PDB file of all heavy atoms in Angstrom:
ATOM      1  N   MET A   1    -107.000 -59.666   0.163  1.00  0.00           N
ATOM      2  CA  MET A   1    -107.742 -60.919   0.229  1.00  0.00           C
ATOM      3  C   MET A   1    -107.439 -61.630   1.542  1.00  0.00           C
ATOM      4  O   MET A   1    -106.281 -61.753   1.934  1.00  0.00           O
ATOM      5  CB  MET A   1    -107.394 -61.853  -0.935  1.00  0.00           C
ATOM      6  CG  MET A   1    -108.152 -63.200  -0.857  1.00  0.00           C
ATOM      7  SD  MET A   1    -107.740 -64.354  -2.177  1.00  0.00           S
ATOM      8  CE  MET A   1    -108.527 -63.551  -3.566  1.00  0.00           C
ATOM      9  N   ASP A   2    -108.489 -62.078   2.210  1.00  0.00           N
ATOM     10  CA  ASP A   2    -108.359 -62.912   3.402  1.00  0.00           C
ATOM     11  C   ASP A   2    -108.468 -64.368   2.952  1.00  0.00           C
ATOM     12  O   ASP A   2    -109.542 -64.811   2.530  1.00  0.00           O
ATOM     13  CB  ASP A   2    -109.449 -62.571   4.419  1.00  0.00           C
ATOM     14  CG  ASP A   2    -109.287 -63.332   5.720  1.00  0.00           C
ATOM     15  OD1 ASP A   2    -109.183 -64.583   5.671  1.00  0.00           O
ATOM     16  OD2 ASP A   2    -109.273 -62.698   6.786  1.00  0.00           O
ATOM     17  N   ILE A   3    -107.362 -65.112   3.025  1.00  0.00           N
ATOM     18  CA  ILE A   3    -107.345 -66.474   2.490  1.00  0.00           C
ATOM     19  C   ILE A   3    -108.288 -67.393   3.254  1.00  0.00           C
ATOM     20  O   ILE A   3    -108.969 -68.236   2.652  1.00  0.00           O
ATOM     21  CB  ILE A   3    -105.906 -67.038   2.492  1.00  0.00           C
ATOM     22  CG1 ILE A   3    -105.029 -66.246   1.529  1.00  0.00           C
ATOM     23  CG2 ILE A   3    -105.899 -68.517   2.090  1.00  0.00           C
ATOM     24  CD1 ILE A   3    -105.446 -66.365   0.077  1.00  0.00           C
ATOM     25  N   ASP A   4    -108.361 -67.257   4.567  1.00  0.00           N
ATOM     26  CA  ASP A   4    -109.285 -68.092   5.333  1.00  0.00           C
ATOM     27  C   ASP A   4    -110.723 -67.904   4.857  1.00  0.00           C
ATOM     28  O   ASP A   4    -111.470 -68.877   4.665  1.00  0.00           O
ATOM     29  CB  ASP A   4    -109.184 -67.771   6.829  1.00  0.00           C
ATOM     30  CG  ASP A   4    -108.192 -68.670   7.553  1.00  0.00           C
ATOM     31  OD1 ASP A   4    -107.374 -69.318   6.870  1.00  0.00           O
ATOM     32  OD2 ASP A   4    -108.242 -68.748   8.799  1.00  0.00           O
ATOM     33  N   GLU A   5    -111.118 -66.652   4.670  1.00  0.00           N
ATOM     34  CA  GLU A   5    -112.488 -66.380   4.201  1.00  0.00           C
ATOM     35  C   GLU A   5    -112.701 -66.963   2.811  1.00  0.00           C
ATOM     36  O   GLU A   5    -113.771 -67.543   2.527  1.00  0.00           O
ATOM     37  CB  GLU A   5    -112.741 -64.872   4.188  1.00  0.00           C
ATOM     38  CG  GLU A   5    -112.861 -64.252   5.581  1.00  0.00           C
ATOM     39  CD  GLU A   5    -113.203 -62.768   5.502  1.00  0.00           C
ATOM     40  OE1 GLU A   5    -113.360 -62.250   4.368  1.00  0.00           O
ATOM     41  OE2 GLU A   5    -113.312 -62.134   6.569  1.00  0.00           O
ATOM     42  N   ALA A   6    -111.726 -66.827   1.931  1.00  0.00           N
ATOM     43  CA  ALA A   6    -111.859 -67.352   0.566  1.00  0.00           C
ATOM     44  C   ALA A   6    -111.962 -68.876   0.570  1.00  0.00           C
ATOM     45  O   ALA A   6    -112.729 -69.461  -0.200  1.00  0.00           O
ATOM     46  CB  ALA A   6    -110.665 -66.904  -0.276  1.00  0.00           C
ATOM     47  N   ILE A   7    -111.202 -69.535   1.455  1.00  0.00           N
ATOM     48  CA  ILE A   7    -111.265 -71.001   1.530  1.00  0.00           C
ATOM     49  C   ILE A   7    -112.625 -71.451   2.038  1.00  0.00           C
ATOM     50  O   ILE A   7    -113.247 -72.364   1.481  1.00  0.00           O
ATOM     51  CB  ILE A   7    -110.131 -71.532   2.433  1.00  0.00           C
ATOM     52  CG1 ILE A   7    -108.779 -71.361   1.745  1.00  0.00           C
ATOM     53  CG2 ILE A   7    -110.362 -73.014   2.777  1.00  0.00           C
ATOM     54  CD1 ILE A   7    -107.589 -71.684   2.632  1.00  0.00           C
ATOM     55  N   LEU A   8    -113.108 -70.817   3.095  1.00  0.00           N
ATOM     56  CA  LEU A   8    -114.408 -71.200   3.658  1.00  0.00           C
ATOM     57  C   LEU A   8    -115.538 -70.967   2.661  1.00  0.00           C
ATOM     58  O   LEU A   8    -116.535 -71.697   2.669  1.00  0.00           O
ATOM     59  CB  LEU A   8    -114.665 -70.419   4.951  1.00  0.00           C
ATOM     60  CG  LEU A   8    -113.750 -70.796   6.131  1.00  0.00           C
ATOM     61  CD1 LEU A   8    -113.972 -69.846   7.304  1.00  0.00           C
ATOM     62  CD2 LEU A   8    -114.007 -72.240   6.560  1.00  0.00           C
ATOM     63  N   ALA A   9    -115.379 -69.972   1.796  1.00  0.00           N
ATOM     64  CA  ALA A   9    -116.380 -69.714   0.759  1.00  0.00           C
ATOM     65  C   ALA A   9    -116.120 -70.530  -0.507  1.00  0.00           C
ATOM     66  O   ALA A   9    -116.872 -70.434  -1.477  1.00  0.00           O
ATOM     67  CB  ALA A   9    -116.409 -68.226   0.426  1.00  0.00           C
ATOM     68  N   CYS A  10    -115.042 -71.318  -0.498  1.00  0.00           N
ATOM     69  CA  CYS A  10    -114.642 -72.147  -1.646  1.00  0.00           C
ATOM     70  C   CYS A  10    -114.367 -71.316  -2.895  1.00  0.00           C
ATOM     71  O   CYS A  10    -114.663 -71.737  -4.017  1.00  0.00           O
ATOM     72  CB  CYS A  10    -115.686 -73.227  -1.932  1.00  0.00           C
ATOM     73  SG  CYS A  10    -115.706 -74.514  -0.678  1.00  0.00           S
ATOM     74  N   HIS A  11    -113.792 -70.145  -2.702  1.00  0.00           N
ATOM     75  CA  HIS A  11    -113.412 -69.300  -3.834  1.00  0.00           C
ATOM     76  C   HIS A  11    -111.976 -69.633  -4.259  1.00  0.00           C
ATOM     77  O   HIS A  11    -111.070 -68.778  -4.225  1.00  0.00           O
ATOM     78  CB  HIS A  11    -113.533 -67.825  -3.455  1.00  0.00           C
ATOM     79  CG  HIS A  11    -114.941 -67.386  -3.229  1.00  0.00           C
ATOM     80  ND1 HIS A  11    -115.283 -66.238  -2.538  1.00  0.00           N
ATOM     81  CD2 HIS A  11    -116.126 -67.951  -3.613  1.00  0.00           C
ATOM     82  CE1 HIS A  11    -116.598 -66.120  -2.491  1.00  0.00           C
ATOM     83  NE2 HIS A  11    -117.130 -67.142  -3.145  1.00  0.00           N
ATOM     84  N   PHE A  12    -111.774 -70.865  -4.668  1.00  0.00           N
ATOM     85  CA  PHE A  12    -110.419 -71.305  -5.005  1.00  0.00           C
ATOM     86  C   PHE A  12    -109.928 -70.677  -6.312  1.00  0.00           C
ATOM     87  O   PHE A  12    -108.727 -70.517  -6.508  1.00  0.00           O
ATOM     88  CB  PHE A  12    -110.369 -72.834  -5.080  1.00  0.00           C
ATOM     89  CG  PHE A  12    -110.478 -73.481  -3.732  1.00  0.00           C
ATOM     90  CD1 PHE A  12    -111.677 -74.028  -3.300  1.00  0.00           C
ATOM     91  CD2 PHE A  12    -109.379 -73.535  -2.886  1.00  0.00           C
ATOM     92  CE1 PHE A  12    -111.779 -74.610  -2.048  1.00  0.00           C
ATOM     93  CE2 PHE A  12    -109.474 -74.124  -1.631  1.00  0.00           C
ATOM     94  CZ  PHE A  12    -110.674 -74.658  -1.203  1.00  0.00           C
ATOM     95  N   GLU A  13    -110.862 -70.315  -7.198  1.00  0.00           N
ATOM     96  CA  GLU A  13    -110.441 -69.648  -8.428  1.00  0.00           C
ATOM     97  C   GLU A  13    -109.765 -68.321  -8.110  1.00  0.00           C
ATOM     98  O   GLU A  13    -108.734 -67.971  -8.699  1.00  0.00           O
ATOM     99  CB  GLU A  13    -111.636 -69.421  -9.356  1.00  0.00           C
ATOM    100  CG  GLU A  13    -112.332 -70.688  -9.823  1.00  0.00           C
ATOM    101  CD  GLU A  13    -113.402 -71.147  -8.838  1.00  0.00           C
ATOM    102  OE1 GLU A  13    -113.447 -70.615  -7.692  1.00  0.00           O
ATOM    103  OE2 GLU A  13    -114.183 -72.034  -9.206  1.00  0.00           O
ATOM    104  N   ALA A  14    -110.331 -67.574  -7.157  1.00  0.00           N
ATOM    105  CA  ALA A  14    -109.747 -66.289  -6.764  1.00  0.00           C
ATOM    106  C   ALA A  14    -108.394 -66.480  -6.086  1.00  0.00           C
ATOM    107  O   ALA A  14    -107.466 -65.684  -6.285  1.00  0.00           O
ATOM    108  CB  ALA A  14    -110.712 -65.547  -5.829  1.00  0.00           C
ATOM    109  N   ILE A  15    -108.287 -67.528  -5.287  1.00  0.00           N
ATOM    110  CA  ILE A  15    -107.009 -67.814  -4.618  1.00  0.00           C
ATOM    111  C   ILE A  15    -105.933 -68.133  -5.645  1.00  0.00           C
ATOM    112  O   ILE A  15    -104.817 -67.600  -5.598  1.00  0.00           O
ATOM    113  CB  ILE A  15    -107.179 -68.979  -3.623  1.00  0.00           C
ATOM    114  CG1 ILE A  15    -108.117 -68.570  -2.480  1.00  0.00           C
ATOM    115  CG2 ILE A  15    -105.819 -69.419  -3.073  1.00  0.00           C
ATOM    116  CD1 ILE A  15    -108.481 -69.711  -1.547  1.00  0.00           C
ATOM    117  N   LEU A  16    -106.260 -68.997  -6.598  1.00  0.00           N
ATOM    118  CA  LEU A  16    -105.282 -69.398  -7.606  1.00  0.00           C
ATOM    119  C   LEU A  16    -104.917 -68.256  -8.546  1.00  0.00           C
ATOM    120  O   LEU A  16    -103.834 -68.257  -9.142  1.00  0.00           O
ATOM    121  CB  LEU A  16    -105.808 -70.590  -8.398  1.00  0.00           C
ATOM    122  CG  LEU A  16    -105.926 -71.905  -7.606  1.00  0.00           C
ATOM    123  CD1 LEU A  16    -106.600 -72.973  -8.445  1.00  0.00           C
ATOM    124  CD2 LEU A  16    -104.551 -72.376  -7.146  1.00  0.00           C
ATOM    125  N   ALA A  17    -105.815 -67.269  -8.658  1.00  0.00           N
ATOM    126  CA  ALA A  17    -105.510 -66.109  -9.505  1.00  0.00           C
ATOM    127  C   ALA A  17    -104.337 -65.303  -8.949  1.00  0.00           C
ATOM    128  O   ALA A  17    -103.707 -64.526  -9.684  1.00  0.00           O
ATOM    129  CB  ALA A  17    -106.748 -65.224  -9.639  1.00  0.00           C
ATOM    130  N   LEU A  18    -104.039 -65.476  -7.650  1.00  0.00           N
ATOM    131  CA  LEU A  18    -102.912 -64.775  -7.041  1.00  0.00           C
ATOM    132  C   LEU A  18    -101.577 -65.449  -7.326  1.00  0.00           C
ATOM    133  O   LEU A  18    -100.520 -64.868  -7.060  1.00  0.00           O
ATOM    134  CB  LEU A  18    -103.104 -64.707  -5.523  1.00  0.00           C
ATOM    135  CG  LEU A  18    -104.300 -63.924  -4.974  1.00  0.00           C
ATOM    136  CD1 LEU A  18    -104.332 -64.045  -3.463  1.00  0.00           C
ATOM    137  CD2 LEU A  18    -104.222 -62.461  -5.394  1.00  0.00           C
ATOM    138  N   LEU A  19    -101.618 -66.674  -7.840  1.00  0.00           N
ATOM    139  CA  LEU A  19    -100.414 -67.496  -7.870  1.00  0.00           C
ATOM    140  C   LEU A  19     -99.312 -66.911  -8.758  1.00  0.00           C
ATOM    141  O   LEU A  19     -98.131 -66.950  -8.391  1.00  0.00           O
ATOM    142  CB  LEU A  19    -100.763 -68.913  -8.332  1.00  0.00           C
ATOM    143  CG  LEU A  19     -99.685 -69.967  -8.109  1.00  0.00           C
ATOM    144  CD1 LEU A  19     -99.281 -70.035  -6.649  1.00  0.00           C
ATOM    145  CD2 LEU A  19    -100.182 -71.336  -8.577  1.00  0.00           C
ATOM    146  N   ASP A  20     -99.677 -66.358  -9.920  1.00  0.00           N
ATOM    147  CA  ASP A  20     -98.661 -65.801 -10.821  1.00  0.00           C
ATOM    148  C   ASP A  20     -97.862 -64.693 -10.134  1.00  0.00           C
ATOM    149  O   ASP A  20     -96.628 -64.693 -10.137  1.00  0.00           O
ATOM    150  CB  ASP A  20     -99.307 -65.258 -12.092  1.00  0.00           C
ATOM    151  CG  ASP A  20     -99.868 -66.360 -12.972  1.00  0.00           C
ATOM    152  OD1 ASP A  20     -99.465 -67.519 -12.784  1.00  0.00           O
ATOM    153  OD2 ASP A  20    -100.710 -66.065 -13.836  1.00  0.00           O
ATOM    154  N   GLY A  21     -98.587 -63.755  -9.542  1.00  0.00           N
ATOM    155  CA  GLY A  21     -97.922 -62.653  -8.852  1.00  0.00           C
ATOM    156  C   GLY A  21     -97.156 -63.125  -7.628  1.00  0.00           C
ATOM    157  O   GLY A  21     -96.064 -62.617  -7.332  1.00  0.00           O
ATOM    158  N   TYR A  22     -97.713 -64.099  -6.929  1.00  0.00           N
ATOM    159  CA  TYR A  22     -97.059 -64.606  -5.725  1.00  0.00           C
ATOM    160  C   TYR A  22     -95.715 -65.252  -6.042  1.00  0.00           C
ATOM    161  O   TYR A  22     -94.729 -65.051  -5.320  1.00  0.00           O
ATOM    162  CB  TYR A  22     -97.981 -65.615  -5.035  1.00  0.00           C
ATOM    163  CG  TYR A  22     -97.355 -66.304  -3.846  1.00  0.00           C
ATOM    164  CD1 TYR A  22     -96.997 -65.583  -2.714  1.00  0.00           C
ATOM    165  CD2 TYR A  22     -97.123 -67.682  -3.862  1.00  0.00           C
ATOM    166  CE1 TYR A  22     -96.423 -66.220  -1.615  1.00  0.00           C
ATOM    167  CE2 TYR A  22     -96.556 -68.324  -2.777  1.00  0.00           C
ATOM    168  CZ  TYR A  22     -96.201 -67.586  -1.653  1.00  0.00           C
ATOM    169  OH  TYR A  22     -95.630 -68.214  -0.578  1.00  0.00           O
ATOM    170  N   ALA A  23     -95.658 -66.021  -7.133  1.00  0.00           N
ATOM    171  CA  ALA A  23     -94.402 -66.684  -7.507  1.00  0.00           C
ATOM    172  C   ALA A  23     -93.317 -65.649  -7.802  1.00  0.00           C
ATOM    173  O   ALA A  23     -92.155 -65.812  -7.400  1.00  0.00           O
ATOM    174  CB  ALA A  23     -94.630 -67.584  -8.721  1.00  0.00           C
ATOM    175  N   ILE A  24     -93.682 -64.561  -8.490  1.00  0.00           N
ATOM    176  CA  ILE A  24     -92.719 -63.493  -8.769  1.00  0.00           C
ATOM    177  C   ILE A  24     -92.328 -62.776  -7.477  1.00  0.00           C
ATOM    178  O   ILE A  24     -91.161 -62.449  -7.247  1.00  0.00           O
ATOM    179  CB  ILE A  24     -93.300 -62.488  -9.786  1.00  0.00           C
ATOM    180  CG1 ILE A  24     -93.595 -63.195 -11.111  1.00  0.00           C
ATOM    181  CG2 ILE A  24     -92.355 -61.308  -9.994  1.00  0.00           C
ATOM    182  CD1 ILE A  24     -94.325 -62.328 -12.117  1.00  0.00           C
ATOM    183  N   TRP A  25     -93.303 -62.554  -6.622  1.00  0.00           N
ATOM    184  CA  TRP A  25     -93.087 -61.877  -5.334  1.00  0.00           C
ATOM    185  C   TRP A  25     -92.086 -62.652  -4.479  1.00  0.00           C
ATOM    186  O   TRP A  25     -91.183 -62.071  -3.865  1.00  0.00           O
ATOM    187  CB  TRP A  25     -94.439 -61.758  -4.641  1.00  0.00           C
ATOM    188  CG  TRP A  25     -94.470 -61.003  -3.350  1.00  0.00           C
ATOM    189  CD1 TRP A  25     -94.312 -59.664  -3.176  1.00  0.00           C
ATOM    190  CD2 TRP A  25     -94.715 -61.555  -2.059  1.00  0.00           C
ATOM    191  NE1 TRP A  25     -94.454 -59.335  -1.850  1.00  0.00           N
ATOM    192  CE2 TRP A  25     -94.703 -60.477  -1.135  1.00  0.00           C
ATOM    193  CE3 TRP A  25     -94.964 -62.834  -1.583  1.00  0.00           C
ATOM    194  CZ2 TRP A  25     -94.921 -60.638   0.228  1.00  0.00           C
ATOM    195  CZ3 TRP A  25     -95.185 -63.015  -0.222  1.00  0.00           C
ATOM    196  CH2 TRP A  25     -95.157 -61.936   0.663  1.00  0.00           C
ATOM    197  N   LEU A  26     -92.224 -63.970  -4.440  1.00  0.00           N
ATOM    198  CA  LEU A  26     -91.277 -64.797  -3.697  1.00  0.00           C
ATOM    199  C   LEU A  26     -89.863 -64.652  -4.255  1.00  0.00           C
ATOM    200  O   LEU A  26     -88.902 -64.452  -3.515  1.00  0.00           O
ATOM    201  CB  LEU A  26     -91.694 -66.267  -3.769  1.00  0.00           C
ATOM    202  CG  LEU A  26     -92.736 -66.790  -2.795  1.00  0.00           C
ATOM    203  CD1 LEU A  26     -92.998 -68.262  -3.069  1.00  0.00           C
ATOM    204  CD2 LEU A  26     -92.307 -66.601  -1.353  1.00  0.00           C
ATOM    205  N   GLN A  27     -89.746 -64.765  -5.573  1.00  0.00           N
ATOM    206  CA  GLN A  27     -88.436 -64.737  -6.216  1.00  0.00           C
ATOM    207  C   GLN A  27     -87.754 -63.382  -6.068  1.00  0.00           C
ATOM    208  O   GLN A  27     -86.520 -63.297  -6.025  1.00  0.00           O
ATOM    209  CB  GLN A  27     -88.572 -65.097  -7.697  1.00  0.00           C
ATOM    210  CG  GLN A  27     -87.250 -65.439  -8.375  1.00  0.00           C
ATOM    211  CD  GLN A  27     -86.647 -66.740  -7.844  1.00  0.00           C
ATOM    212  OE1 GLN A  27     -87.351 -67.722  -7.667  1.00  0.00           O
ATOM    213  NE2 GLN A  27     -85.350 -66.744  -7.587  1.00  0.00           N
ATOM    214  N   SER A  28     -88.557 -62.309  -5.956  1.00  0.00           N
ATOM    215  CA  SER A  28     -87.990 -60.965  -5.873  1.00  0.00           C
ATOM    216  C   SER A  28     -87.692 -60.538  -4.447  1.00  0.00           C
ATOM    217  O   SER A  28     -87.391 -59.369  -4.203  1.00  0.00           O
ATOM    218  CB  SER A  28     -88.955 -59.957  -6.511  1.00  0.00           C
ATOM    219  OG  SER A  28     -90.120 -59.828  -5.710  1.00  0.00           O
ATOM    220  N   GLY A  29     -87.786 -61.451  -3.510  1.00  0.00           N
ATOM    221  CA  GLY A  29     -87.553 -61.084  -2.127  1.00  0.00           C
ATOM    222  C   GLY A  29     -88.713 -60.344  -1.514  1.00  0.00           C
ATOM    223  O   GLY A  29     -88.543 -59.514  -0.627  1.00  0.00           O
ATOM    224  N   ARG A  30     -89.931 -60.646  -1.969  1.00  0.00           N
ATOM    225  CA  ARG A  30     -91.182 -60.038  -1.482  1.00  0.00           C
ATOM    226  C   ARG A  30     -91.236 -58.543  -1.749  1.00  0.00           C
ATOM    227  O   ARG A  30     -91.776 -57.772  -0.971  1.00  0.00           O
ATOM    228  CB  ARG A  30     -91.364 -60.263   0.025  1.00  0.00           C
ATOM    229  CG  ARG A  30     -91.878 -61.627   0.419  1.00  0.00           C
ATOM    230  CD  ARG A  30     -90.796 -62.637   0.455  1.00  0.00           C
ATOM    231  NE  ARG A  30     -91.214 -63.783   1.265  1.00  0.00           N
ATOM    232  CZ  ARG A  30     -90.438 -64.820   1.513  1.00  0.00           C
ATOM    233  NH1 ARG A  30     -89.230 -64.871   1.031  1.00  0.00           N
ATOM    234  NH2 ARG A  30     -90.874 -65.817   2.245  1.00  0.00           N
ATOM    235  N   HIS A  31     -90.647 -58.128  -2.869  1.00  0.00           N
ATOM    236  CA  HIS A  31     -90.681 -56.714  -3.223  1.00  0.00           C
ATOM    237  C   HIS A  31     -91.755 -56.413  -4.257  1.00  0.00           C
ATOM    238  O   HIS A  31     -92.451 -55.416  -4.168  1.00  0.00           O
ATOM    239  CB  HIS A  31     -89.325 -56.263  -3.780  1.00  0.00           C
ATOM    240  CG  HIS A  31     -88.256 -56.209  -2.740  1.00  0.00           C
ATOM    241  ND1 HIS A  31     -86.925 -56.070  -3.048  1.00  0.00           N
ATOM    242  CD2 HIS A  31     -88.321 -56.278  -1.391  1.00  0.00           C
ATOM    243  CE1 HIS A  31     -86.212 -56.056  -1.927  1.00  0.00           C
ATOM    244  NE2 HIS A  31     -87.038 -56.180  -0.922  1.00  0.00           N
ATOM    245  N   ALA A  32     -91.875 -57.247  -5.292  1.00  0.00           N
ATOM    246  CA  ALA A  32     -92.764 -56.922  -6.413  1.00  0.00           C
ATOM    247  C   ALA A  32     -93.434 -58.172  -6.929  1.00  0.00           C
ATOM    248  O   ALA A  32     -92.882 -59.267  -6.846  1.00  0.00           O
ATOM    249  CB  ALA A  32     -91.966 -56.255  -7.526  1.00  0.00           C
ATOM    250  N   ASP A  33     -94.655 -58.012  -7.461  1.00  0.00           N
ATOM    251  CA  ASP A  33     -95.337 -59.172  -8.031  1.00  0.00           C
ATOM    252  C   ASP A  33     -95.474 -59.054  -9.543  1.00  0.00           C
ATOM    253  O   ASP A  33     -96.150 -59.846 -10.173  1.00  0.00           O
ATOM    254  CB  ASP A  33     -96.707 -59.385  -7.380  1.00  0.00           C
ATOM    255  CG  ASP A  33     -97.692 -58.271  -7.681  1.00  0.00           C
ATOM    256  OD1 ASP A  33     -97.257 -57.218  -8.183  1.00  0.00           O
ATOM    257  OD2 ASP A  33     -98.891 -58.463  -7.411  1.00  0.00           O
ATOM    258  N   ASN A  34     -94.854 -58.023 -10.140  1.00  0.00           N
ATOM    259  CA  ASN A  34     -94.685 -57.962 -11.587  1.00  0.00           C
ATOM    260  C   ASN A  34     -93.489 -57.066 -11.860  1.00  0.00           C
ATOM    261  O   ASN A  34     -92.817 -56.607 -10.926  1.00  0.00           O
ATOM    262  CB  ASN A  34     -95.959 -57.456 -12.300  1.00  0.00           C
ATOM    263  CG  ASN A  34     -96.381 -56.090 -11.819  1.00  0.00           C
ATOM    264  OD1 ASN A  34     -95.566 -55.164 -11.786  1.00  0.00           O
ATOM    265  ND2 ASN A  34     -97.650 -55.966 -11.434  1.00  0.00           N
ATOM    266  N   LEU A  35     -93.185 -56.815 -13.104  1.00  0.00           N
ATOM    267  CA  LEU A  35     -91.963 -56.085 -13.443  1.00  0.00           C
ATOM    268  C   LEU A  35     -92.018 -54.617 -13.057  1.00  0.00           C
ATOM    269  O   LEU A  35     -90.990 -53.949 -13.005  1.00  0.00           O
ATOM    270  CB  LEU A  35     -91.671 -56.217 -14.940  1.00  0.00           C
ATOM    271  CG  LEU A  35     -91.392 -57.646 -15.419  1.00  0.00           C
ATOM    272  CD1 LEU A  35     -91.157 -57.643 -16.924  1.00  0.00           C
ATOM    273  CD2 LEU A  35     -90.195 -58.242 -14.684  1.00  0.00           C
TER     274      LEU A  35
END
């Protein structure tokens, strides 16, 4: 996903759909976005 393109197209639902995996990805040291 290109975030700039998604923002310009106002696809905020698609952006927010990444949030669950992103939060896990951050906590895991950018290794995994689920178990």
